[in-house]
Amino acid sequence: MDRVSCHRRPSFGSPTTGPSRVDSPCVEVPTIDGRALRKIPPGTRSGQKLRLREKGAPSASKEGVRGDEIRGDEIVEIQIAVPMPRGERTKEILRELAELNPEDPRVELWNRV
């Protein structure tokens, strides 16, 4: 289900859901070598990019002090998927959540206009 897009630095989209962000502060992301866990800081928004240090491609021109390869960083773009309210109970819970967290993310947008 991961969307993968390659740029100059390896960059991967890593979908996660709002509820899973509450339960687990980590997300599993694909890397060149397999999978890695990345801690997601509180307040991370969809579209925000996080760095996985030394999980990217090996450097073609540099070598480490001990002859080992130097790796670049991998950039992970967080994609938060909002669950589709399928039943009345889900809608009720989302309304409660909105009441408990009344901040409006659009306020910042209107302040820039």
C-alpha atoms as a PDB file:
ATOM      1  CA  MET A   1       0.000   0.000   0.000  1.00  0.00           C
ATOM      2  CA  ASP A   2       3.036   2.283   0.212  1.00  0.00           C
ATOM      3  CA  ARG A   3       3.351   4.750  -2.638  1.00  0.00           C
ATOM      4  CA  VAL A   4       6.915   4.954  -3.799  1.00  0.00           C
ATOM      5  CA  SER A   5       8.346   7.876  -5.720  1.00  0.00           C
ATOM      6  CA  CYS A   6      12.066   8.287  -6.403  1.00  0.00           C
ATOM      7  CA  HIS A   7      13.782  11.650  -6.529  1.00  0.00           C
ATOM      8  CA  ARG A   8      17.453  12.601  -6.283  1.00  0.00           C
ATOM      9  CA  ARG A   9      17.434  11.329  -2.743  1.00  0.00           C
ATOM     10  CA  PRO A  10      15.326   8.246  -2.121  1.00  0.00           C
ATOM     11  CA  SER A  11      11.916   9.530  -1.077  1.00  0.00           C
ATOM     12  CA  PHE A  12       8.993   7.353  -0.108  1.00  0.00           C
ATOM     13  CA  GLY A  13       5.388   8.117   0.735  1.00  0.00           C
ATOM     14  CA  SER A  14       4.319   6.346   3.881  1.00  0.00           C
ATOM     15  CA  PRO A  15       0.552   6.288   4.460  1.00  0.00           C
ATOM     16  CA  THR A  16      -0.716   6.145   8.009  1.00  0.00           C
ATOM     17  CA  THR A  17      -4.117   6.770   9.608  1.00  0.00           C
ATOM     18  CA  GLY A  18      -5.064   9.215  12.324  1.00  0.00           C
ATOM     19  CA  PRO A  19      -6.116   6.450  14.758  1.00  0.00           C
ATOM     20  CA  SER A  20      -2.902   4.472  14.196  1.00  0.00           C
ATOM     21  CA  ARG A  21      -0.906   7.655  14.937  1.00  0.00           C
ATOM     22  CA  VAL A  22      -2.500   7.767  18.383  1.00  0.00           C
ATOM     23  CA  ASP A  23      -1.821   4.107  19.159  1.00  0.00           C
ATOM     24  CA  SER A  24       1.696   3.880  17.757  1.00  0.00           C
ATOM     25  CA  PRO A  25       4.187   6.725  17.429  1.00  0.00           C
ATOM     26  CA  CYS A  26       6.181   4.700  14.855  1.00  0.00           C
ATOM     27  CA  VAL A  27       5.536   3.815  11.239  1.00  0.00           C
ATOM     28  CA  GLU A  28       7.242   1.155   9.144  1.00  0.00           C
ATOM     29  CA  VAL A  29       8.757   2.571   5.949  1.00  0.00           C
ATOM     30  CA  PRO A  30      10.469   0.904   2.979  1.00  0.00           C
ATOM     31  CA  THR A  31      14.194   1.513   2.550  1.00  0.00           C
ATOM     32  CA  ILE A  32      16.784   0.324   0.052  1.00  0.00           C
ATOM     33  CA  ASP A  33      17.776  -2.421   2.513  1.00  0.00           C
ATOM     34  CA  GLY A  34      14.257  -3.489   3.490  1.00  0.00           C
ATOM     35  CA  ARG A  35      12.039  -1.949   6.165  1.00  0.00           C
ATOM     36  CA  ALA A  36      12.790   0.470   8.978  1.00  0.00           C
ATOM     37  CA  LEU A  37      10.781   1.979  11.822  1.00  0.00           C
ATOM     38  CA  ARG A  38      10.579   5.773  12.008  1.00  0.00           C
ATOM     39  CA  LYS A  39       9.261   7.548  15.078  1.00  0.00           C
ATOM     40  CA  ILE A  40       6.637  10.112  14.125  1.00  0.00           C
ATOM     41  CA  PRO A  41       6.824  13.244  16.313  1.00  0.00           C
ATOM     42  CA  PRO A  42       3.571  14.555  17.844  1.00  0.00           C
ATOM     43  CA  GLY A  43       1.895  17.167  15.662  1.00  0.00           C
ATOM     44  CA  THR A  44       3.270  15.742  12.402  1.00  0.00           C
ATOM     45  CA  ARG A  45       0.987  16.680   9.518  1.00  0.00           C
ATOM     46  CA  SER A  46       0.238  14.978   6.240  1.00  0.00           C
ATOM     47  CA  GLY A  47       2.790  15.972   3.611  1.00  0.00           C
ATOM     48  CA  GLN A  48       5.511  16.677   6.150  1.00  0.00           C
ATOM     49  CA  LYS A  49       8.890  15.178   5.263  1.00  0.00           C
ATOM     50  CA  LEU A  50      11.084  13.322   7.747  1.00  0.00           C
ATOM     51  CA  ARG A  51      14.674  12.181   7.349  1.00  0.00           C
ATOM     52  CA  LEU A  52      16.025   8.669   7.840  1.00  0.00           C
ATOM     53  CA  ARG A  53      19.724   9.294   8.377  1.00  0.00           C
ATOM     54  CA  GLU A  54      22.114   7.072   6.426  1.00  0.00           C
ATOM     55  CA  LYS A  55      19.288   4.873   5.035  1.00  0.00           C
ATOM     56  CA  GLY A  56      19.594   6.186   1.460  1.00  0.00           C
ATOM     57  CA  ALA A  57      21.802   5.241  -1.460  1.00  0.00           C
ATOM     58  CA  PRO A  58      25.541   4.702  -0.997  1.00  0.00           C
ATOM     59  CA  SER A  59      27.790   7.559  -2.105  1.00  0.00           C
ATOM     60  CA  ALA A  60      29.477   6.928  -5.446  1.00  0.00           C
ATOM     61  CA  SER A  61      32.322   9.353  -4.726  1.00  0.00           C
ATOM     62  CA  LYS A  62      33.000   9.125  -0.974  1.00  0.00           C
ATOM     63  CA  GLU A  63      34.246   6.395   1.296  1.00  0.00           C
ATOM     64  CA  GLY A  64      34.134   6.300   5.081  1.00  0.00           C
ATOM     65  CA  VAL A  65      37.174   6.591   7.370  1.00  0.00           C
ATOM     66  CA  ARG A  66      37.454   2.821   7.772  1.00  0.00           C
ATOM     67  CA  GLY A  67      36.806   2.065   4.111  1.00  0.00           C
ATOM     68  CA  ASP A  68      33.097   1.467   4.694  1.00  0.00           C
ATOM     69  CA  GLU A  69      30.588   3.124   2.405  1.00  0.00           C
ATOM     70  CA  ILE A  70      28.950   6.429   3.238  1.00  0.00           C
ATOM     71  CA  ARG A  71      25.171   6.368   2.854  1.00  0.00           C
ATOM     72  CA  GLY A  72      22.900   9.270   2.003  1.00  0.00           C
ATOM     73  CA  ASP A  73      19.681  10.090   3.831  1.00  0.00           C
ATOM     74  CA  GLU A  74      16.243   8.852   2.827  1.00  0.00           C
ATOM     75  CA  ILE A  75      13.374  11.343   2.917  1.00  0.00           C
ATOM     76  CA  VAL A  76       9.967  10.011   3.974  1.00  0.00           C
ATOM     77  CA  GLU A  77       6.813  12.006   3.231  1.00  0.00           C
ATOM     78  CA  ILE A  78       4.066  11.305   5.756  1.00  0.00           C
ATOM     79  CA  GLN A  79       0.610  10.783   4.283  1.00  0.00           C
ATOM     80  CA  ILE A  80      -2.190  10.660   6.845  1.00  0.00           C
ATOM     81  CA  ALA A  81      -5.306   8.958   5.539  1.00  0.00           C
ATOM     82  CA  VAL A  82      -8.550  10.131   7.102  1.00  0.00           C
ATOM     83  CA  PRO A  83     -10.918   7.207   7.647  1.00  0.00           C
ATOM     84  CA  MET A  84     -14.135   7.316   5.645  1.00  0.00           C
ATOM     85  CA  PRO A  85     -17.122   7.517   8.016  1.00  0.00           C
ATOM     86  CA  ARG A  86     -19.122   4.434   7.021  1.00  0.00           C
ATOM     87  CA  GLY A  87     -21.626   4.281   9.826  1.00  0.00           C
ATOM     88  CA  GLU A  88     -23.522   6.554  12.172  1.00  0.00           C
ATOM     89  CA  ARG A  89     -21.324   5.550  15.144  1.00  0.00           C
ATOM     90  CA  THR A  90     -18.167   6.566  13.247  1.00  0.00           C
ATOM     91  CA  LYS A  91     -19.722   9.943  12.378  1.00  0.00           C
ATOM     92  CA  GLU A  92     -20.668  10.394  16.030  1.00  0.00           C
ATOM     93  CA  ILE A  93     -17.096   9.678  17.176  1.00  0.00           C
ATOM     94  CA  LEU A  94     -15.659  12.107  14.590  1.00  0.00           C
ATOM     95  CA  ARG A  95     -18.069  14.819  15.801  1.00  0.00           C
ATOM     96  CA  GLU A  96     -16.930  14.186  19.401  1.00  0.00           C
ATOM     97  CA  LEU A  97     -13.311  14.413  18.284  1.00  0.00           C
ATOM     98  CA  ALA A  98     -14.025  17.735  16.552  1.00  0.00           C
ATOM     99  CA  GLU A  99     -15.601  19.067  19.760  1.00  0.00           C
ATOM    100  CA  LEU A 100     -12.602  17.969  21.847  1.00  0.00           C
ATOM    101  CA  ASN A 101     -10.133  19.494  19.359  1.00  0.00           C
ATOM    102  CA  PRO A 102     -11.754  22.703  18.100  1.00  0.00           C
ATOM    103  CA  GLU A 103      -8.670  24.093  16.324  1.00  0.00           C
ATOM    104  CA  ASP A 104      -9.275  24.926  12.675  1.00  0.00           C
ATOM    105  CA  PRO A 105      -6.316  24.145  10.361  1.00  0.00           C
ATOM    106  CA  ARG A 106      -7.746  26.597   7.809  1.00  0.00           C
ATOM    107  CA  VAL A 107      -7.191  29.594  10.108  1.00  0.00           C
ATOM    108  CA  GLU A 108      -3.524  29.726   9.042  1.00  0.00           C
ATOM    109  CA  LEU A 109      -4.602  29.696   5.401  1.00  0.00           C
ATOM    110  CA  TRP A 110      -6.982  32.648   5.896  1.00  0.00           C
ATOM    111  CA  ASN A 111      -4.330  34.590   7.805  1.00  0.00           C
ATOM    112  CA  ARG A 112      -2.076  34.459   4.728  1.00  0.00           C
ATOM    113  CA  VAL A 113      -4.734  35.864   2.377  1.00  0.00           C
END
